[in-house]
PDB file of N, CA and C in Angstrom:
ATOM      1  N   MET A   1       0.841  -1.182   0.000  1.00  0.00           N
ATOM      2  CA  MET A   1       0.000   0.000   0.000  1.00  0.00           C
ATOM      3  C   MET A   1       0.885   1.244   0.000  1.00  0.00           C
ATOM      4  N   ASP A   2       0.512   2.216  -0.772  1.00  0.00           N
ATOM      5  CA  ASP A   2       1.280   3.456  -0.879  1.00  0.00           C
ATOM      6  C   ASP A   2       0.966   4.359   0.308  1.00  0.00           C
ATOM      7  N   GLU A   3       1.982   4.669   1.113  1.00  0.00           N
ATOM      8  CA  GLU A   3       1.808   5.491   2.307  1.00  0.00           C
ATOM      9  C   GLU A   3       1.604   6.970   1.984  1.00  0.00           C
ATOM     10  N   ASP A   4       2.032   7.402   0.818  1.00  0.00           N
ATOM     11  CA  ASP A   4       1.932   8.812   0.444  1.00  0.00           C
ATOM     12  C   ASP A   4       0.840   9.026  -0.593  1.00  0.00           C
ATOM     13  N   LEU A   5      -0.320   8.456  -0.326  1.00  0.00           N
ATOM     14  CA  LEU A   5      -1.426   8.562  -1.261  1.00  0.00           C
ATOM     15  C   LEU A   5      -1.812  10.019  -1.500  1.00  0.00           C
ATOM     16  N   VAL A   6      -1.862  10.802  -0.428  1.00  0.00           N
ATOM     17  CA  VAL A   6      -2.122  12.237  -0.550  1.00  0.00           C
ATOM     18  C   VAL A   6      -0.849  12.951  -0.127  1.00  0.00           C
ATOM     19  N   VAL A   7      -0.211  13.576  -1.072  1.00  0.00           N
ATOM     20  CA  VAL A   7       1.029  14.276  -0.821  1.00  0.00           C
ATOM     21  C   VAL A   7       0.716  15.634  -0.198  1.00  0.00           C
ATOM     22  N   SER A   8       1.518  16.022   0.785  1.00  0.00           N
ATOM     23  CA  SER A   8       1.287  17.273   1.505  1.00  0.00           C
ATOM     24  C   SER A   8       1.168  18.467   0.557  1.00  0.00           C
ATOM     25  N   LYS A   9       2.039  18.538  -0.432  1.00  0.00           N
ATOM     26  CA  LYS A   9       2.004  19.674  -1.370  1.00  0.00           C
ATOM     27  C   LYS A   9       0.699  19.678  -2.162  1.00  0.00           C
ATOM     28  N   MET A  10       0.253  18.490  -2.560  1.00  0.00           N
ATOM     29  CA  MET A  10      -0.996  18.391  -3.312  1.00  0.00           C
ATOM     30  C   MET A  10      -2.176  18.840  -2.438  1.00  0.00           C
ATOM     31  N   ALA A  11      -2.200  18.400  -1.182  1.00  0.00           N
ATOM     32  CA  ALA A  11      -3.277  18.801  -0.271  1.00  0.00           C
ATOM     33  C   ALA A  11      -3.263  20.314  -0.077  1.00  0.00           C
ATOM     34  N   PHE A  12      -2.069  20.877   0.096  1.00  0.00           N
ATOM     35  CA  PHE A  12      -1.946  22.322   0.257  1.00  0.00           C
ATOM     36  C   PHE A  12      -2.493  23.043  -0.973  1.00  0.00           C
ATOM     37  N   ASN A  13      -2.074  22.611  -2.157  1.00  0.00           N
ATOM     38  CA  ASN A  13      -2.511  23.262  -3.398  1.00  0.00           C
ATOM     39  C   ASN A  13      -4.020  23.194  -3.590  1.00  0.00           C
ATOM     40  N   GLU A  14      -4.618  22.086  -3.216  1.00  0.00           N
ATOM     41  CA  GLU A  14      -6.045  21.883  -3.463  1.00  0.00           C
ATOM     42  C   GLU A  14      -6.948  22.409  -2.354  1.00  0.00           C
ATOM     43  N   PHE A  15      -6.486  22.365  -1.097  1.00  0.00           N
ATOM     44  CA  PHE A  15      -7.388  22.625   0.014  1.00  0.00           C
ATOM     45  C   PHE A  15      -7.024  23.801   0.915  1.00  0.00           C
ATOM     46  N   SER A  16      -5.864  24.405   0.728  1.00  0.00           N
ATOM     47  CA  SER A  16      -5.415  25.414   1.692  1.00  0.00           C
ATOM     48  C   SER A  16      -6.396  26.582   1.821  1.00  0.00           C
ATOM     49  N   TYR A  17      -6.892  27.088   0.737  1.00  0.00           N
ATOM     50  CA  TYR A  17      -7.802  28.235   0.815  1.00  0.00           C
ATOM     51  C   TYR A  17      -9.057  27.870   1.596  1.00  0.00           C
ATOM     52  N   ASP A  18      -9.638  26.711   1.311  1.00  0.00           N
ATOM     53  CA  ASP A  18     -10.861  26.296   1.998  1.00  0.00           C
ATOM     54  C   ASP A  18     -10.611  26.067   3.485  1.00  0.00           C
ATOM     55  N   VAL A  19      -9.500  25.447   3.829  1.00  0.00           N
ATOM     56  CA  VAL A  19      -9.160  25.205   5.229  1.00  0.00           C
ATOM     57  C   VAL A  19      -8.957  26.538   5.949  1.00  0.00           C
ATOM     58  N   GLU A  20      -8.225  27.439   5.315  1.00  0.00           N
ATOM     59  CA  GLU A  20      -7.971  28.751   5.921  1.00  0.00           C
ATOM     60  C   GLU A  20      -9.267  29.527   6.120  1.00  0.00           C
ATOM     61  N   LYS A  21     -10.110  29.572   5.105  1.00  0.00           N
ATOM     62  CA  LYS A  21     -11.370  30.313   5.204  1.00  0.00           C
ATOM     63  C   LYS A  21     -12.281  29.702   6.263  1.00  0.00           C
ATOM     64  N   THR A  22     -12.288  28.382   6.359  1.00  0.00           N
ATOM     65  CA  THR A  22     -13.089  27.721   7.380  1.00  0.00           C
ATOM     66  C   THR A  22     -12.595  28.099   8.760  1.00  0.00           C
ATOM     67  N   TRP A  23     -11.289  27.979   8.976  1.00  0.00           N
ATOM     68  CA  TRP A  23     -10.722  28.277  10.286  1.00  0.00           C
ATOM     69  C   TRP A  23     -10.957  29.735  10.679  1.00  0.00           C
ATOM     70  N   CYS A  24     -10.863  30.636   9.743  1.00  0.00           N
ATOM     71  CA  CYS A  24     -10.958  32.061  10.031  1.00  0.00           C
ATOM     72  C   CYS A  24     -12.397  32.569  10.117  1.00  0.00           C
ATOM     73  N   ASN A  25     -13.350  31.750   9.787  1.00  0.00           N
ATOM     74  CA  ASN A  25     -14.753  32.142   9.824  1.00  0.00           C
ATOM     75  C   ASN A  25     -15.188  32.418  11.260  1.00  0.00           C
ATOM     76  N   ALA A  26     -15.809  33.554  11.493  1.00  0.00           N
ATOM     77  CA  ALA A  26     -16.206  33.967  12.841  1.00  0.00           C
ATOM     78  C   ALA A  26     -17.187  32.986  13.481  1.00  0.00           C
ATOM     79  N   ASP A  27     -18.131  32.456  12.712  1.00  0.00           N
ATOM     80  CA  ASP A  27     -19.086  31.491  13.252  1.00  0.00           C
ATOM     81  C   ASP A  27     -18.386  30.202  13.673  1.00  0.00           C
ATOM     82  N   VAL A  28     -17.455  29.751  12.864  1.00  0.00           N
ATOM     83  CA  VAL A  28     -16.693  28.547  13.191  1.00  0.00           C
ATOM     84  C   VAL A  28     -15.886  28.788  14.463  1.00  0.00           C
ATOM     85  N   GLN A  29     -15.262  29.941  14.576  1.00  0.00           N
ATOM     86  CA  GLN A  29     -14.483  30.257  15.767  1.00  0.00           C
ATOM     87  C   GLN A  29     -15.357  30.272  17.024  1.00  0.00           C
ATOM     88  N   ARG A  30     -16.573  30.774  16.915  1.00  0.00           N
ATOM     89  CA  ARG A  30     -17.498  30.776  18.058  1.00  0.00           C
ATOM     90  C   ARG A  30     -17.833  29.347  18.492  1.00  0.00           C
ATOM     91  N   VAL A  31     -18.135  28.490  17.532  1.00  0.00           N
ATOM     92  CA  VAL A  31     -18.476  27.100  17.835  1.00  0.00           C
ATOM     93  C   VAL A  31     -17.291  26.397  18.494  1.00  0.00           C
ATOM     94  N   ILE A  32     -16.099  26.598  17.958  1.00  0.00           N
ATOM     95  CA  ILE A  32     -14.904  25.960  18.516  1.00  0.00           C
ATOM     96  C   ILE A  32     -14.634  26.474  19.928  1.00  0.00           C
ATOM     97  N   THR A  33     -14.728  27.771  20.119  1.00  0.00           N
ATOM     98  CA  THR A  33     -14.483  28.357  21.442  1.00  0.00           C
ATOM     99  C   THR A  33     -15.464  27.806  22.469  1.00  0.00           C
ATOM    100  N   GLU A  34     -16.732  27.751  22.112  1.00  0.00           N
ATOM    101  CA  GLU A  34     -17.744  27.214  23.032  1.00  0.00           C
ATOM    102  C   GLU A  34     -17.495  25.731  23.301  1.00  0.00           C
ATOM    103  N   GLY A  35     -17.140  24.999  22.254  1.00  0.00           N
ATOM    104  CA  GLY A  35     -16.852  23.577  22.420  1.00  0.00           C
ATOM    105  C   GLY A  35     -15.669  23.338  23.337  1.00  0.00           C
ATOM    106  N   ARG A  36     -14.662  24.146  23.213  1.00  0.00           N
ATOM    107  CA  ARG A  36     -13.480  24.008  24.059  1.00  0.00           C
ATOM    108  C   ARG A  36     -13.782  24.375  25.511  1.00  0.00           C
ATOM    109  N   LYS A  37     -14.662  25.349  25.717  1.00  0.00           N
ATOM    110  CA  LYS A  37     -15.037  25.728  27.086  1.00  0.00           C
ATOM    111  C   LYS A  37     -15.738  24.586  27.810  1.00  0.00           C
ATOM    112  N   THR A  38     -16.527  23.824  27.084  1.00  0.00           N
ATOM    113  CA  THR A  38     -17.301  22.750  27.702  1.00  0.00           C
ATOM    114  C   THR A  38     -16.611  21.390  27.634  1.00  0.00           C
ATOM    115  N   ASP A  39     -15.453  21.326  26.979  1.00  0.00           N
ATOM    116  CA  ASP A  39     -14.730  20.063  26.834  1.00  0.00           C
ATOM    117  C   ASP A  39     -14.136  19.629  28.174  1.00  0.00           C
ATOM    118  N   LYS A  40     -14.564  18.509  28.665  1.00  0.00           N
ATOM    119  CA  LYS A  40     -14.080  17.987  29.942  1.00  0.00           C
ATOM    120  C   LYS A  40     -13.198  16.743  29.747  1.00  0.00           C
ATOM    121  N   SER A  41     -12.836  16.448  28.518  1.00  0.00           N
ATOM    122  CA  SER A  41     -12.053  15.241  28.250  1.00  0.00           C
ATOM    123  C   SER A  41     -10.642  15.356  28.808  1.00  0.00           C
ATOM    124  N   THR A  42     -10.011  14.208  29.027  1.00  0.00           N
ATOM    125  CA  THR A  42      -8.659  14.196  29.575  1.00  0.00           C
ATOM    126  C   THR A  42      -7.635  14.727  28.577  1.00  0.00           C
ATOM    127  N   GLY A  43      -7.925  14.668  27.308  1.00  0.00           N
ATOM    128  CA  GLY A  43      -6.977  15.135  26.296  1.00  0.00           C
ATOM    129  C   GLY A  43      -7.200  16.544  25.821  1.00  0.00           C
ATOM    130  N   ARG A  44      -8.036  17.300  26.520  1.00  0.00           N
ATOM    131  CA  ARG A  44      -8.401  18.640  26.037  1.00  0.00           C
ATOM    132  C   ARG A  44      -7.221  19.596  25.906  1.00  0.00           C
ATOM    133  N   GLN A  45      -6.173  19.402  26.705  1.00  0.00           N
ATOM    134  CA  GLN A  45      -5.006  20.282  26.623  1.00  0.00           C
ATOM    135  C   GLN A  45      -4.089  19.880  25.468  1.00  0.00           C
ATOM    136  N   THR A  46      -3.899  18.587  25.270  1.00  0.00           N
ATOM    137  CA  THR A  46      -2.967  18.116  24.248  1.00  0.00           C
ATOM    138  C   THR A  46      -3.630  17.935  22.891  1.00  0.00           C
ATOM    139  N   ASP A  47      -4.931  17.667  22.878  1.00  0.00           N
ATOM    140  CA  ASP A  47      -5.650  17.463  21.622  1.00  0.00           C
ATOM    141  C   ASP A  47      -7.015  18.129  21.724  1.00  0.00           C
ATOM    142  N   PRO A  48      -7.047  19.465  21.657  1.00  0.00           N
ATOM    143  CA  PRO A  48      -8.306  20.173  21.833  1.00  0.00           C
ATOM    144  C   PRO A  48      -9.275  19.903  20.685  1.00  0.00           C
ATOM    145  N   ILE A  49     -10.542  20.218  20.936  1.00  0.00           N
ATOM    146  CA  ILE A  49     -11.555  20.079  19.892  1.00  0.00           C
ATOM    147  C   ILE A  49     -11.104  20.872  18.662  1.00  0.00           C
ATOM    148  N   PHE A  50     -11.134  20.236  17.526  1.00  0.00           N
ATOM    149  CA  PHE A  50     -10.719  20.822  16.250  1.00  0.00           C
ATOM    150  C   PHE A  50      -9.242  21.195  16.230  1.00  0.00           C
ATOM    151  N   GLY A  51      -8.443  20.547  17.070  1.00  0.00           N
ATOM    152  CA  GLY A  51      -7.010  20.832  17.135  1.00  0.00           C
ATOM    153  C   GLY A  51      -6.276  20.569  15.834  1.00  0.00           C
ATOM    154  N   GLU A  52      -6.658  19.500  15.155  1.00  0.00           N
ATOM    155  CA  GLU A  52      -5.995  19.185  13.880  1.00  0.00           C
ATOM    156  C   GLU A  52      -6.338  20.219  12.809  1.00  0.00           C
ATOM    157  N   LEU A  53      -7.584  20.669  12.783  1.00  0.00           N
ATOM    158  CA  LEU A  53      -7.965  21.732  11.842  1.00  0.00           C
ATOM    159  C   LEU A  53      -7.172  22.993  12.136  1.00  0.00           C
ATOM    160  N   GLU A  54      -7.049  23.316  13.410  1.00  0.00           N
ATOM    161  CA  GLU A  54      -6.299  24.510  13.796  1.00  0.00           C
ATOM    162  C   GLU A  54      -4.843  24.409  13.353  1.00  0.00           C
ATOM    163  N   LYS A  55      -4.210  23.271  13.610  1.00  0.00           N
ATOM    164  CA  LYS A  55      -2.809  23.100  13.207  1.00  0.00           C
ATOM    165  C   LYS A  55      -2.644  23.216  11.698  1.00  0.00           C
ATOM    166  N   LEU A  56      -3.549  22.574  10.965  1.00  0.00           N
ATOM    167  CA  LEU A  56      -3.472  22.604   9.509  1.00  0.00           C
ATOM    168  C   LEU A  56      -3.676  24.026   8.988  1.00  0.00           C
ATOM    169  N   ALA A  57      -4.680  24.714   9.486  1.00  0.00           N
ATOM    170  CA  ALA A  57      -4.957  26.083   9.040  1.00  0.00           C
ATOM    171  C   ALA A  57      -3.808  27.018   9.374  1.00  0.00           C
ATOM    172  N   ARG A  58      -3.277  26.908  10.587  1.00  0.00           N
ATOM    173  CA  ARG A  58      -2.162  27.776  10.971  1.00  0.00           C
ATOM    174  C   ARG A  58      -0.923  27.486  10.124  1.00  0.00           C
ATOM    175  N   ASP A  59      -0.705  26.225   9.809  1.00  0.00           N
ATOM    176  CA  ASP A  59       0.420  25.862   8.945  1.00  0.00           C
ATOM    177  C   ASP A  59       0.241  26.459   7.553  1.00  0.00           C
ATOM    178  N   TYR A  60      -0.951  26.318   7.002  1.00  0.00           N
ATOM    179  CA  TYR A  60      -1.214  26.858   5.663  1.00  0.00           C
ATOM    180  C   TYR A  60      -1.084  28.384   5.644  1.00  0.00           C
ATOM    181  N   LEU A  61      -1.634  29.037   6.645  1.00  0.00           N
ATOM    182  CA  LEU A  61      -1.517  30.497   6.714  1.00  0.00           C
ATOM    183  C   LEU A  61      -0.054  30.915   6.825  1.00  0.00           C
ATOM    184  N   ALA A  62       0.705  30.213   7.639  1.00  0.00           N
ATOM    185  CA  ALA A  62       2.125  30.549   7.810  1.00  0.00           C
ATOM    186  C   ALA A  62       2.901  30.328   6.517  1.00  0.00           C
ATOM    187  N   ARG A  63       2.592  29.271   5.804  1.00  0.00           N
ATOM    188  CA  ARG A  63       3.279  29.010   4.521  1.00  0.00           C
ATOM    189  C   ARG A  63       3.108  30.169   3.558  1.00  0.00           C
ATOM    190  N   GLU A  64       1.932  30.780   3.601  1.00  0.00           N
ATOM    191  CA  GLU A  64       1.640  31.889   2.687  1.00  0.00           C
ATOM    192  C   GLU A  64       1.937  33.250   3.305  1.00  0.00           C
ATOM    193  N   GLY A  65       2.369  33.257   4.559  1.00  0.00           N
ATOM    194  CA  GLY A  65       2.659  34.521   5.227  1.00  0.00           C
ATOM    195  C   GLY A  65       1.425  35.370   5.410  1.00  0.00           C
ATOM    196  N   GLU A  66       0.292  34.715   5.677  1.00  0.00           N
ATOM    197  CA  GLU A  66      -0.974  35.434   5.806  1.00  0.00           C
ATOM    198  C   GLU A  66      -1.578  35.235   7.194  1.00  0.00           C
ATOM    199  N   THR A  67      -2.567  36.067   7.474  1.00  0.00           N
ATOM    200  CA  THR A  67      -3.373  35.943   8.680  1.00  0.00           C
ATOM    201  C   THR A  67      -4.836  35.880   8.251  1.00  0.00           C
ATOM    202  N   CYS A  68      -5.710  35.665   9.216  1.00  0.00           N
ATOM    203  CA  CYS A  68      -7.139  35.663   8.903  1.00  0.00           C
ATOM    204  C   CYS A  68      -7.577  37.022   8.356  1.00  0.00           C
ATOM    205  N   LYS A  69      -6.999  38.089   8.870  1.00  0.00           N
ATOM    206  CA  LYS A  69      -7.344  39.422   8.355  1.00  0.00           C
ATOM    207  C   LYS A  69      -6.978  39.567   6.882  1.00  0.00           C
ATOM    208  N   ASP A  70      -5.861  38.964   6.481  1.00  0.00           N
ATOM    209  CA  ASP A  70      -5.476  39.022   5.071  1.00  0.00           C
ATOM    210  C   ASP A  70      -6.525  38.345   4.195  1.00  0.00           C
ATOM    211  N   LEU A  71      -7.102  37.244   4.679  1.00  0.00           N
ATOM    212  CA  LEU A  71      -8.117  36.531   3.902  1.00  0.00           C
ATOM    213  C   LEU A  71      -9.380  37.366   3.752  1.00  0.00           C
ATOM    214  N   ASP A  72      -9.700  38.161   4.763  1.00  0.00           N
ATOM    215  CA  ASP A  72     -10.888  39.021   4.686  1.00  0.00           C
ATOM    216  C   ASP A  72     -10.751  40.062   3.585  1.00  0.00           C
ATOM    217  N   ASN A  73      -9.535  40.420   3.236  1.00  0.00           N
ATOM    218  CA  ASN A  73      -9.301  41.442   2.226  1.00  0.00           C
ATOM    219  C   ASN A  73      -9.167  40.888   0.808  1.00  0.00           C
ATOM    220  N   GLN A  74      -9.343  39.597   0.653  1.00  0.00           N
ATOM    221  CA  GLN A  74      -9.208  38.992  -0.680  1.00  0.00           C
ATOM    222  C   GLN A  74     -10.530  38.947  -1.391  1.00  0.00           C
TER     223      GLN A  74
END
């Protein structure tokens, strides 16, 4: 089985804008913030709700040298 079925560069090229816009959306941020406030799981510090989305979005934004405010101006 091929371990690199989805190559990081390909995922970035195809999905970075959508991931960034999703993460930066004010409604999404409200839902995540509320979810994190009520999260009582043992892994909430090391693996917060939507933690993987956050890491991916922050990585994509950093690669492009952008912030959520930059996306609002596009």
